[in-house]
Amino acid sequence: MVGAEKGKAAQIRLSGALSHIVVADLRAEGLKLDDAIAGERTVGGGLRSVKADVSEVADTDGLKLAVEIKPVHLAVGRAIWNRFGDIRTFAVNVHLKFPFAVVGGILTIPTTERAASRRDDDWKPTTNLIERAVGRLTRAGGRKTEGDAGHLLEGIAVVAFDRDTGAIEPDLPPVGCGLRWQEFIDNLAQAYAARFDDV
């Protein structure tokens, strides 16, 4: 594999791994999630069917949990806003049909990107782009009750990482903004427990 194909394969593997981590971390918070699936599954939405990377469907409640994972690894400046739009559209679509569903979105973003397309000899930082996105993403999360706006998500995570080492950036996003991994897991777990009394 070369070029974009190699990058796409890496993004698919990352999404698969993160889907399993989400389910494991939510279970570690005390949620049973007996019917949860880590991995892509088509679920019905109010406007069209969508693919959720993590989902739980129950006979009595319908769709209870849906998480979309969006790796942003190429053309970060443009892709952040496109993926941001994707996860908000996902939330609206799911909440139209399942207003009680707990919806999450995950963006994975490298802290550097190519300075010029298809050239690996010059890289530039993306931290300024991530910092700018944090404010907007913070406002898109925070759906506390099923009566809140459908375009909001119960939780959003931004996973900023070093593309060379794979290490998570310790300072991005900032603590307390609601976008760090554990904050994301806590937000989903609290919303799920409040709606489905699973804890």
N, C-alpha and C. Protein backbone atom coordinates (compact mmCIF):
# COMPACT_ATOMS: atom_id res chain seq x y z
N MET A 1 0.84 -1.18 0.00
CA MET A 1 0.00 0.00 0.00
C MET A 1 0.88 1.24 0.00
N VAL A 2 0.44 2.25 -0.72
CA VAL A 2 1.18 3.49 -0.77
C VAL A 2 0.23 4.67 -0.67
N GLY A 3 0.80 5.81 -0.33
CA GLY A 3 0.07 7.07 -0.35
C GLY A 3 -1.22 7.07 0.43
N ALA A 4 -2.28 7.55 -0.23
CA ALA A 4 -3.57 7.72 0.43
C ALA A 4 -4.16 6.39 0.90
N GLU A 5 -3.90 5.30 0.13
CA GLU A 5 -4.41 3.99 0.53
C GLU A 5 -3.83 3.57 1.87
N LYS A 6 -2.53 3.78 2.05
CA LYS A 6 -1.87 3.43 3.30
C LYS A 6 -2.45 4.26 4.44
N GLY A 7 -2.65 5.55 4.21
CA GLY A 7 -3.22 6.43 5.22
C GLY A 7 -4.64 6.03 5.59
N LYS A 8 -5.43 5.66 4.58
CA LYS A 8 -6.81 5.25 4.83
C LYS A 8 -6.84 3.96 5.65
N ALA A 9 -5.97 3.03 5.34
CA ALA A 9 -5.91 1.77 6.09
C ALA A 9 -5.55 2.03 7.55
N ALA A 10 -4.63 2.95 7.78
CA ALA A 10 -4.24 3.30 9.15
C ALA A 10 -5.41 3.93 9.89
N GLN A 11 -6.17 4.78 9.21
CA GLN A 11 -7.33 5.41 9.84
C GLN A 11 -8.39 4.37 10.20
N ILE A 12 -8.60 3.39 9.35
CA ILE A 12 -9.58 2.33 9.61
C ILE A 12 -9.15 1.50 10.81
N ARG A 13 -7.86 1.17 10.88
CA ARG A 13 -7.36 0.41 12.03
C ARG A 13 -7.49 1.21 13.32
N LEU A 14 -7.18 2.50 13.26
CA LEU A 14 -7.31 3.36 14.43
C LEU A 14 -8.76 3.44 14.89
N SER A 15 -9.68 3.62 13.97
CA SER A 15 -11.10 3.68 14.32
C SER A 15 -11.55 2.38 14.97
N GLY A 16 -11.10 1.25 14.42
CA GLY A 16 -11.45 -0.04 15.00
C GLY A 16 -10.94 -0.19 16.42
N ALA A 17 -9.69 0.19 16.64
CA ALA A 17 -9.11 0.08 17.98
C ALA A 17 -9.82 1.01 18.96
N LEU A 18 -10.08 2.24 18.54
CA LEU A 18 -10.75 3.19 19.43
C LEU A 18 -12.17 2.74 19.77
N SER A 19 -12.85 2.10 18.84
CA SER A 19 -14.21 1.64 19.13
C SER A 19 -14.21 0.63 20.27
N HIS A 20 -13.23 -0.26 20.28
CA HIS A 20 -13.12 -1.24 21.37
C HIS A 20 -12.75 -0.55 22.69
N ILE A 21 -11.90 0.45 22.62
CA ILE A 21 -11.50 1.19 23.83
C ILE A 21 -12.69 1.94 24.42
N VAL A 22 -13.52 2.54 23.58
CA VAL A 22 -14.71 3.26 24.06
C VAL A 22 -15.60 2.31 24.86
N VAL A 23 -15.90 1.15 24.29
CA VAL A 23 -16.78 0.19 24.98
C VAL A 23 -16.15 -0.26 26.29
N ALA A 24 -14.85 -0.59 26.27
CA ALA A 24 -14.17 -1.03 27.49
C ALA A 24 -14.17 0.06 28.55
N ASP A 25 -13.90 1.30 28.15
CA ASP A 25 -13.87 2.40 29.12
C ASP A 25 -15.26 2.70 29.69
N LEU A 26 -16.30 2.61 28.88
CA LEU A 26 -17.66 2.82 29.39
C LEU A 26 -18.05 1.70 30.35
N ARG A 27 -17.65 0.49 30.04
CA ARG A 27 -17.92 -0.62 30.97
C ARG A 27 -17.14 -0.43 32.27
N ALA A 28 -15.93 0.10 32.18
CA ALA A 28 -15.14 0.37 33.40
C ALA A 28 -15.81 1.43 34.28
N GLU A 29 -16.66 2.26 33.68
CA GLU A 29 -17.42 3.26 34.44
C GLU A 29 -18.67 2.65 35.08
N GLY A 30 -18.89 1.36 34.86
CA GLY A 30 -20.01 0.67 35.49
C GLY A 30 -21.20 0.40 34.59
N LEU A 31 -21.12 0.78 33.32
CA LEU A 31 -22.23 0.51 32.40
C LEU A 31 -22.14 -0.93 31.91
N LYS A 32 -23.27 -1.60 31.83
CA LYS A 32 -23.27 -3.00 31.37
C LYS A 32 -23.04 -3.09 29.86
N LEU A 33 -23.78 -2.32 29.11
CA LEU A 33 -23.67 -2.30 27.64
C LEU A 33 -23.71 -3.71 27.06
N ASP A 34 -24.69 -4.49 27.49
CA ASP A 34 -24.81 -5.89 27.06
C ASP A 34 -24.93 -6.04 25.55
N ASP A 35 -25.57 -5.08 24.90
CA ASP A 35 -25.82 -5.19 23.47
C ASP A 35 -24.91 -4.28 22.63
N ALA A 36 -23.86 -3.76 23.25
CA ALA A 36 -22.97 -2.83 22.53
C ALA A 36 -22.12 -3.57 21.51
N ILE A 37 -21.88 -2.90 20.40
CA ILE A 37 -21.01 -3.42 19.35
C ILE A 37 -19.90 -2.41 19.11
N ALA A 38 -18.66 -2.87 19.22
CA ALA A 38 -17.50 -2.06 18.86
C ALA A 38 -17.14 -2.44 17.43
N GLY A 39 -17.33 -1.52 16.54
CA GLY A 39 -17.12 -1.79 15.12
C GLY A 39 -18.28 -1.21 14.34
N GLU A 40 -18.04 -0.95 13.09
CA GLU A 40 -19.02 -0.26 12.27
C GLU A 40 -20.32 -1.06 12.11
N ARG A 41 -21.44 -0.36 12.31
CA ARG A 41 -22.76 -0.96 12.12
C ARG A 41 -23.68 0.12 11.56
N THR A 42 -24.52 -0.26 10.61
CA THR A 42 -25.50 0.66 10.05
C THR A 42 -26.68 0.75 11.00
N VAL A 43 -27.06 1.98 11.33
CA VAL A 43 -28.22 2.23 12.18
C VAL A 43 -29.13 3.23 11.47
N GLY A 44 -30.42 3.11 11.72
CA GLY A 44 -31.38 4.02 11.11
C GLY A 44 -31.30 5.39 11.74
N GLY A 45 -31.47 6.40 10.93
CA GLY A 45 -31.52 7.76 11.42
C GLY A 45 -32.81 8.42 10.98
N GLY A 46 -33.04 9.63 11.43
CA GLY A 46 -34.25 10.34 11.06
C GLY A 46 -34.27 10.76 9.59
N LEU A 47 -33.11 10.96 8.99
CA LEU A 47 -33.02 11.39 7.60
C LEU A 47 -32.53 10.28 6.69
N ARG A 48 -31.61 9.47 7.18
CA ARG A 48 -31.04 8.37 6.39
C ARG A 48 -30.31 7.44 7.35
N SER A 49 -29.97 6.27 6.85
CA SER A 49 -29.17 5.35 7.65
C SER A 49 -27.75 5.89 7.76
N VAL A 50 -27.12 5.62 8.91
CA VAL A 50 -25.75 6.07 9.14
C VAL A 50 -24.93 4.90 9.67
N LYS A 51 -23.63 5.02 9.60
CA LYS A 51 -22.74 4.01 10.15
C LYS A 51 -22.15 4.53 11.44
N ALA A 52 -22.42 3.81 12.52
CA ALA A 52 -21.86 4.16 13.82
C ALA A 52 -20.67 3.24 14.08
N ASP A 53 -19.61 3.78 14.66
CA ASP A 53 -18.43 2.99 14.97
C ASP A 53 -18.59 2.24 16.29
N VAL A 54 -19.41 2.77 17.18
CA VAL A 54 -19.80 2.11 18.42
C VAL A 54 -21.31 2.28 18.51
N SER A 55 -22.02 1.22 18.85
CA SER A 55 -23.47 1.34 18.96
C SER A 55 -24.03 0.31 19.92
N GLU A 56 -25.20 0.64 20.43
CA GLU A 56 -25.96 -0.32 21.23
C GLU A 56 -27.42 -0.13 20.87
N VAL A 57 -28.06 -1.22 20.49
CA VAL A 57 -29.47 -1.23 20.15
C VAL A 57 -30.15 -2.23 21.07
N ALA A 58 -31.25 -1.79 21.70
CA ALA A 58 -32.01 -2.66 22.59
C ALA A 58 -33.42 -2.82 22.05
N ASP A 59 -34.02 -3.98 22.31
CA ASP A 59 -35.38 -4.24 21.84
C ASP A 59 -36.37 -3.22 22.36
N THR A 60 -36.24 -2.82 23.60
CA THR A 60 -37.22 -1.91 24.21
C THR A 60 -36.96 -0.45 23.91
N ASP A 61 -35.72 -0.03 23.85
CA ASP A 61 -35.38 1.39 23.70
C ASP A 61 -34.90 1.79 22.32
N GLY A 62 -34.65 0.85 21.45
CA GLY A 62 -34.06 1.17 20.16
C GLY A 62 -32.59 1.53 20.33
N LEU A 63 -32.12 2.49 19.56
CA LEU A 63 -30.72 2.90 19.63
C LEU A 63 -30.46 3.66 20.92
N LYS A 64 -29.57 3.13 21.73
CA LYS A 64 -29.25 3.75 23.02
C LYS A 64 -27.93 4.51 22.98
N LEU A 65 -26.98 4.02 22.18
CA LEU A 65 -25.63 4.59 22.14
C LEU A 65 -25.14 4.57 20.70
N ALA A 66 -24.57 5.68 20.26
CA ALA A 66 -23.97 5.76 18.93
C ALA A 66 -22.77 6.70 18.99
N VAL A 67 -21.63 6.21 18.56
CA VAL A 67 -20.41 7.02 18.54
C VAL A 67 -19.82 6.97 17.14
N GLU A 68 -19.46 8.13 16.63
CA GLU A 68 -18.80 8.21 15.33
C GLU A 68 -17.36 8.63 15.55
N ILE A 69 -16.44 7.91 14.92
CA ILE A 69 -15.00 8.20 15.03
C ILE A 69 -14.53 8.76 13.70
N LYS A 70 -13.91 9.93 13.76
CA LYS A 70 -13.45 10.60 12.55
C LYS A 70 -11.96 10.94 12.66
N PRO A 71 -11.10 10.11 12.07
CA PRO A 71 -9.68 10.46 12.02
C PRO A 71 -9.47 11.63 11.05
N VAL A 72 -8.67 12.59 11.47
CA VAL A 72 -8.34 13.76 10.65
C VAL A 72 -6.82 13.74 10.50
N HIS A 73 -6.32 13.07 9.45
CA HIS A 73 -4.88 12.88 9.36
C HIS A 73 -4.23 13.56 8.17
N LEU A 74 -5.00 13.97 7.19
CA LEU A 74 -4.45 14.66 6.03
C LEU A 74 -5.18 15.98 5.84
N ALA A 75 -4.49 16.99 5.32
CA ALA A 75 -5.09 18.31 5.09
C ALA A 75 -5.87 18.75 6.32
N VAL A 76 -5.19 18.78 7.45
CA VAL A 76 -5.83 18.97 8.75
C VAL A 76 -6.68 20.24 8.80
N GLY A 77 -6.17 21.34 8.29
CA GLY A 77 -6.90 22.60 8.37
C GLY A 77 -8.30 22.51 7.78
N ARG A 78 -8.43 21.94 6.61
CA ARG A 78 -9.73 21.79 5.97
C ARG A 78 -10.51 20.62 6.58
N ALA A 79 -9.82 19.54 6.85
CA ALA A 79 -10.49 18.32 7.30
C ALA A 79 -11.13 18.46 8.68
N ILE A 80 -10.53 19.24 9.57
CA ILE A 80 -11.13 19.42 10.90
C ILE A 80 -12.56 19.92 10.76
N TRP A 81 -12.77 20.92 9.93
CA TRP A 81 -14.11 21.51 9.81
C TRP A 81 -15.05 20.58 9.07
N ASN A 82 -14.55 19.83 8.09
CA ASN A 82 -15.40 18.85 7.41
C ASN A 82 -15.85 17.76 8.38
N ARG A 83 -14.91 17.23 9.17
CA ARG A 83 -15.26 16.16 10.12
C ARG A 83 -16.16 16.70 11.24
N PHE A 84 -15.94 17.95 11.64
CA PHE A 84 -16.81 18.59 12.63
C PHE A 84 -18.24 18.61 12.10
N GLY A 85 -18.40 18.99 10.85
CA GLY A 85 -19.73 18.98 10.23
C GLY A 85 -20.31 17.58 10.17
N ASP A 86 -19.46 16.59 9.88
CA ASP A 86 -19.91 15.20 9.81
C ASP A 86 -20.48 14.73 11.15
N ILE A 87 -19.79 15.01 12.25
CA ILE A 87 -20.28 14.50 13.53
C ILE A 87 -21.53 15.24 13.98
N ARG A 88 -21.67 16.50 13.63
CA ARG A 88 -22.91 17.22 13.97
C ARG A 88 -24.07 16.70 13.14
N THR A 89 -23.84 16.42 11.87
CA THR A 89 -24.88 15.83 11.03
C THR A 89 -25.28 14.46 11.56
N PHE A 90 -24.30 13.69 11.97
CA PHE A 90 -24.54 12.38 12.58
C PHE A 90 -25.45 12.53 13.80
N ALA A 91 -25.15 13.50 14.66
CA ALA A 91 -25.94 13.72 15.88
C ALA A 91 -27.38 14.10 15.54
N VAL A 92 -27.57 15.03 14.62
CA VAL A 92 -28.92 15.45 14.22
C VAL A 92 -29.70 14.26 13.69
N ASN A 93 -29.08 13.53 12.79
CA ASN A 93 -29.74 12.39 12.15
C ASN A 93 -30.17 11.35 13.18
N VAL A 94 -29.29 11.01 14.10
CA VAL A 94 -29.60 10.00 15.12
C VAL A 94 -30.65 10.54 16.09
N HIS A 95 -30.47 11.78 16.57
CA HIS A 95 -31.39 12.33 17.57
C HIS A 95 -32.80 12.57 17.01
N LEU A 96 -32.93 12.79 15.70
CA LEU A 96 -34.26 12.94 15.12
C LEU A 96 -35.10 11.68 15.30
N LYS A 97 -34.47 10.53 15.13
CA LYS A 97 -35.19 9.26 15.26
C LYS A 97 -35.15 8.72 16.69
N PHE A 98 -34.05 8.94 17.38
CA PHE A 98 -33.86 8.41 18.73
C PHE A 98 -33.44 9.55 19.67
N PRO A 99 -34.37 10.38 20.12
CA PRO A 99 -33.99 11.54 20.94
C PRO A 99 -33.33 11.17 22.27
N PHE A 100 -33.55 9.95 22.76
CA PHE A 100 -32.92 9.53 24.01
C PHE A 100 -31.52 8.96 23.80
N ALA A 101 -31.13 8.71 22.56
CA ALA A 101 -29.83 8.11 22.29
C ALA A 101 -28.70 9.00 22.80
N VAL A 102 -27.67 8.35 23.33
CA VAL A 102 -26.45 9.03 23.76
C VAL A 102 -25.50 9.00 22.57
N VAL A 103 -25.15 10.18 22.07
CA VAL A 103 -24.35 10.28 20.85
C VAL A 103 -23.00 10.92 21.16
N GLY A 104 -21.95 10.29 20.67
CA GLY A 104 -20.61 10.81 20.86
C GLY A 104 -19.87 10.93 19.54
N GLY A 105 -18.86 11.77 19.53
CA GLY A 105 -18.01 11.93 18.37
C GLY A 105 -16.56 12.02 18.81
N ILE A 106 -15.68 11.38 18.05
CA ILE A 106 -14.25 11.39 18.35
C ILE A 106 -13.50 11.88 17.12
N LEU A 107 -12.64 12.87 17.31
CA LEU A 107 -11.74 13.34 16.26
C LEU A 107 -10.32 13.03 16.68
N THR A 108 -9.57 12.35 15.83
CA THR A 108 -8.14 12.13 16.09
C THR A 108 -7.36 13.04 15.14
N ILE A 109 -6.44 13.80 15.71
CA ILE A 109 -5.75 14.84 14.93
C ILE A 109 -4.26 14.82 15.25
N PRO A 110 -3.40 14.70 14.24
CA PRO A 110 -1.96 14.78 14.49
C PRO A 110 -1.53 16.21 14.79
N THR A 111 -0.47 16.36 15.55
CA THR A 111 0.01 17.70 15.91
C THR A 111 0.91 18.31 14.83
N THR A 112 1.14 17.55 13.75
CA THR A 112 1.85 18.09 12.58
C THR A 112 1.19 17.55 11.32
N GLU A 113 1.40 18.28 10.23
CA GLU A 113 0.92 17.82 8.92
C GLU A 113 1.95 18.22 7.86
N ARG A 114 1.84 17.61 6.70
CA ARG A 114 2.74 17.95 5.60
C ARG A 114 2.59 19.43 5.24
N ALA A 115 3.72 20.08 5.01
CA ALA A 115 3.69 21.47 4.57
C ALA A 115 3.22 21.55 3.12
N ALA A 116 3.55 20.53 2.34
CA ALA A 116 3.11 20.45 0.94
C ALA A 116 2.57 19.04 0.71
N SER A 117 1.52 18.95 -0.05
CA SER A 117 0.86 17.67 -0.31
C SER A 117 1.83 16.64 -0.88
N ARG A 118 1.77 15.44 -0.34
CA ARG A 118 2.55 14.28 -0.79
C ARG A 118 4.06 14.43 -0.61
N ARG A 119 4.49 15.34 0.25
CA ARG A 119 5.92 15.52 0.50
C ARG A 119 6.18 15.25 1.97
N ASP A 120 7.06 14.32 2.23
CA ASP A 120 7.36 13.94 3.61
C ASP A 120 8.62 14.61 4.16
N ASP A 121 9.15 15.60 3.45
CA ASP A 121 10.39 16.23 3.90
C ASP A 121 10.17 17.52 4.69
N ASP A 122 8.94 18.00 4.76
CA ASP A 122 8.68 19.25 5.48
C ASP A 122 7.31 19.16 6.16
N TRP A 123 7.33 19.37 7.48
CA TRP A 123 6.11 19.26 8.28
C TRP A 123 5.87 20.55 9.04
N LYS A 124 4.62 20.88 9.25
CA LYS A 124 4.27 22.09 10.00
C LYS A 124 3.32 21.71 11.14
N PRO A 125 3.34 22.49 12.22
CA PRO A 125 2.48 22.18 13.37
C PRO A 125 1.00 22.44 13.08
N THR A 126 0.15 21.66 13.72
CA THR A 126 -1.30 21.86 13.61
C THR A 126 -1.90 22.30 14.94
N THR A 127 -1.06 22.51 15.93
CA THR A 127 -1.58 22.84 17.27
C THR A 127 -2.46 24.09 17.25
N ASN A 128 -2.11 25.08 16.43
CA ASN A 128 -2.94 26.29 16.36
C ASN A 128 -4.33 25.96 15.81
N LEU A 129 -4.40 25.04 14.85
CA LEU A 129 -5.69 24.63 14.29
C LEU A 129 -6.52 23.88 15.33
N ILE A 130 -5.86 23.02 16.09
CA ILE A 130 -6.55 22.26 17.13
C ILE A 130 -7.07 23.21 18.20
N GLU A 131 -6.25 24.16 18.60
CA GLU A 131 -6.68 25.13 19.62
C GLU A 131 -7.89 25.94 19.15
N ARG A 132 -7.90 26.34 17.88
CA ARG A 132 -9.04 27.08 17.34
C ARG A 132 -10.30 26.22 17.30
N ALA A 133 -10.12 24.96 17.00
CA ALA A 133 -11.27 24.04 16.91
C ALA A 133 -11.88 23.74 18.27
N VAL A 134 -11.07 23.80 19.32
CA VAL A 134 -11.53 23.43 20.66
C VAL A 134 -12.77 24.23 21.08
N GLY A 135 -12.76 25.54 20.85
CA GLY A 135 -13.90 26.37 21.24
C GLY A 135 -15.19 25.95 20.57
N ARG A 136 -15.11 25.70 19.29
CA ARG A 136 -16.29 25.29 18.54
C ARG A 136 -16.76 23.90 18.95
N LEU A 137 -15.82 23.01 19.12
CA LEU A 137 -16.17 21.65 19.51
C LEU A 137 -16.75 21.60 20.91
N THR A 138 -16.25 22.45 21.80
CA THR A 138 -16.79 22.50 23.16
C THR A 138 -18.26 22.89 23.13
N ARG A 139 -18.60 23.85 22.29
CA ARG A 139 -20.00 24.29 22.19
C ARG A 139 -20.89 23.24 21.54
N ALA A 140 -20.33 22.35 20.75
CA ALA A 140 -21.12 21.31 20.08
C ALA A 140 -21.43 20.14 20.99
N GLY A 141 -20.71 20.03 22.10
CA GLY A 141 -20.98 18.97 23.07
C GLY A 141 -21.92 19.48 24.14
N GLY A 142 -22.05 18.73 25.18
CA GLY A 142 -22.82 19.21 26.33
C GLY A 142 -24.31 18.98 26.26
N ARG A 143 -24.78 18.05 25.44
CA ARG A 143 -26.21 17.73 25.42
C ARG A 143 -26.52 16.94 26.69
N LYS A 144 -27.18 17.56 27.63
CA LYS A 144 -27.41 16.96 28.95
C LYS A 144 -28.68 16.14 29.02
N THR A 145 -29.74 16.60 28.34
CA THR A 145 -31.01 15.88 28.40
C THR A 145 -31.52 15.62 26.99
N GLU A 146 -32.46 14.70 26.90
CA GLU A 146 -33.05 14.37 25.60
C GLU A 146 -33.83 15.55 25.01
N GLY A 147 -34.14 16.56 25.81
CA GLY A 147 -34.84 17.74 25.32
C GLY A 147 -33.94 18.80 24.74
N ASP A 148 -32.63 18.66 24.92
CA ASP A 148 -31.69 19.63 24.36
C ASP A 148 -31.63 19.47 22.84
N ALA A 149 -31.07 20.47 22.18
CA ALA A 149 -31.00 20.49 20.72
C ALA A 149 -30.35 19.23 20.16
N GLY A 150 -30.93 18.72 19.08
CA GLY A 150 -30.45 17.49 18.46
C GLY A 150 -29.11 17.59 17.79
N HIS A 151 -28.67 18.81 17.44
CA HIS A 151 -27.37 18.94 16.78
C HIS A 151 -26.21 18.89 17.78
N LEU A 152 -26.54 18.90 19.08
CA LEU A 152 -25.50 18.77 20.10
C LEU A 152 -25.22 17.30 20.37
N LEU A 153 -24.02 17.02 20.84
CA LEU A 153 -23.64 15.65 21.20
C LEU A 153 -23.51 15.55 22.70
N GLU A 154 -23.72 14.36 23.22
CA GLU A 154 -23.54 14.14 24.65
C GLU A 154 -22.07 14.20 25.02
N GLY A 155 -21.20 13.87 24.10
CA GLY A 155 -19.77 13.94 24.36
C GLY A 155 -18.96 14.00 23.07
N ILE A 156 -17.88 14.76 23.11
CA ILE A 156 -16.93 14.84 22.00
C ILE A 156 -15.54 14.68 22.59
N ALA A 157 -14.71 13.89 21.91
CA ALA A 157 -13.31 13.74 22.30
C ALA A 157 -12.41 14.20 21.16
N VAL A 158 -11.37 14.92 21.52
CA VAL A 158 -10.31 15.26 20.57
C VAL A 158 -9.06 14.55 21.06
N VAL A 159 -8.52 13.69 20.22
CA VAL A 159 -7.30 12.96 20.54
C VAL A 159 -6.19 13.53 19.66
N ALA A 160 -5.39 14.43 20.23
CA ALA A 160 -4.26 15.03 19.51
C ALA A 160 -3.03 14.18 19.79
N PHE A 161 -2.29 13.82 18.73
CA PHE A 161 -1.18 12.90 18.90
C PHE A 161 0.01 13.29 18.03
N ASP A 162 1.18 12.85 18.44
CA ASP A 162 2.42 13.04 17.69
C ASP A 162 2.47 11.97 16.61
N ARG A 163 2.55 12.37 15.36
CA ARG A 163 2.51 11.40 14.26
C ARG A 163 3.74 10.49 14.22
N ASP A 164 4.86 10.94 14.77
CA ASP A 164 6.07 10.12 14.76
C ASP A 164 6.05 9.05 15.84
N THR A 165 5.63 9.42 17.03
CA THR A 165 5.69 8.49 18.17
C THR A 165 4.35 7.85 18.49
N GLY A 166 3.26 8.48 18.05
CA GLY A 166 1.93 7.99 18.42
C GLY A 166 1.51 8.43 19.81
N ALA A 167 2.37 9.16 20.51
CA ALA A 167 2.06 9.60 21.87
C ALA A 167 0.97 10.66 21.85
N ILE A 168 0.07 10.57 22.82
CA ILE A 168 -1.00 11.55 22.97
C ILE A 168 -0.40 12.86 23.47
N GLU A 169 -0.83 13.96 22.88
CA GLU A 169 -0.38 15.30 23.29
C GLU A 169 -0.97 15.59 24.68
N PRO A 170 -0.13 15.78 25.70
CA PRO A 170 -0.64 15.91 27.06
C PRO A 170 -1.40 17.21 27.34
N ASP A 171 -1.18 18.25 26.56
CA ASP A 171 -1.79 19.55 26.85
C ASP A 171 -2.93 19.93 25.91
N LEU A 172 -3.23 19.08 24.95
CA LEU A 172 -4.30 19.37 23.99
C LEU A 172 -5.31 18.24 23.99
N PRO A 173 -6.57 18.54 24.05
CA PRO A 173 -7.14 19.82 24.43
C PRO A 173 -6.92 20.11 25.90
N PRO A 174 -7.14 21.35 26.34
CA PRO A 174 -6.85 21.68 27.74
C PRO A 174 -7.79 20.97 28.71
N VAL A 175 -7.27 20.70 29.89
CA VAL A 175 -8.06 20.07 30.95
C VAL A 175 -9.27 20.94 31.27
N GLY A 176 -10.42 20.32 31.44
CA GLY A 176 -11.62 21.04 31.84
C GLY A 176 -12.49 21.52 30.70
N CYS A 177 -12.05 21.35 29.45
CA CYS A 177 -12.85 21.83 28.33
C CYS A 177 -13.92 20.82 27.92
N GLY A 178 -13.84 19.60 28.46
CA GLY A 178 -14.82 18.57 28.14
C GLY A 178 -14.45 17.70 26.95
N LEU A 179 -13.32 17.99 26.30
CA LEU A 179 -12.94 17.27 25.08
C LEU A 179 -11.84 16.24 25.29
N ARG A 180 -11.28 16.16 26.49
CA ARG A 180 -10.25 15.16 26.76
C ARG A 180 -10.90 13.79 26.89
N TRP A 181 -10.12 12.75 26.68
CA TRP A 181 -10.67 11.39 26.62
C TRP A 181 -11.51 11.04 27.84
N GLN A 182 -10.97 11.21 29.03
CA GLN A 182 -11.73 10.80 30.22
C GLN A 182 -12.96 11.67 30.42
N GLU A 183 -12.88 12.94 30.06
CA GLU A 183 -14.06 13.81 30.14
C GLU A 183 -15.15 13.32 29.19
N PHE A 184 -14.73 12.91 28.01
CA PHE A 184 -15.65 12.35 27.01
C PHE A 184 -16.34 11.10 27.55
N ILE A 185 -15.55 10.18 28.09
CA ILE A 185 -16.10 8.93 28.64
C ILE A 185 -17.05 9.26 29.79
N ASP A 186 -16.65 10.16 30.67
CA ASP A 186 -17.51 10.55 31.80
C ASP A 186 -18.83 11.14 31.32
N ASN A 187 -18.78 12.01 30.31
CA ASN A 187 -20.00 12.63 29.79
C ASN A 187 -20.95 11.60 29.20
N LEU A 188 -20.41 10.66 28.41
CA LEU A 188 -21.25 9.62 27.83
C LEU A 188 -21.85 8.74 28.92
N ALA A 189 -21.02 8.33 29.88
CA ALA A 189 -21.48 7.44 30.95
C ALA A 189 -22.57 8.10 31.79
N GLN A 190 -22.40 9.38 32.11
CA GLN A 190 -23.41 10.08 32.92
C GLN A 190 -24.73 10.21 32.16
N ALA A 191 -24.66 10.57 30.89
CA ALA A 191 -25.89 10.70 30.10
C ALA A 191 -26.58 9.35 29.95
N TYR A 192 -25.80 8.32 29.70
CA TYR A 192 -26.36 6.97 29.53
C TYR A 192 -27.03 6.51 30.82
N ALA A 193 -26.36 6.68 31.94
CA ALA A 193 -26.92 6.25 33.22
C ALA A 193 -28.19 7.02 33.55
N ALA A 194 -28.22 8.32 33.26
CA ALA A 194 -29.40 9.13 33.54
C ALA A 194 -30.60 8.71 32.70
N ARG A 195 -30.35 8.31 31.46
CA ARG A 195 -31.45 7.97 30.55
C ARG A 195 -31.90 6.53 30.63
N PHE A 196 -30.95 5.65 30.89
CA PHE A 196 -31.27 4.23 30.81
C PHE A 196 -31.10 3.50 32.14
N ASP A 197 -30.75 4.23 33.20
CA ASP A 197 -30.66 3.68 34.56
C ASP A 197 -29.91 2.36 34.58
N ASP A 198 -28.73 2.35 33.99
CA ASP A 198 -27.98 1.11 33.82
C ASP A 198 -26.93 0.89 34.90
N VAL A 199 -26.69 1.88 35.74
CA VAL A 199 -25.61 1.75 36.72
C VAL A 199 -26.16 1.23 38.03
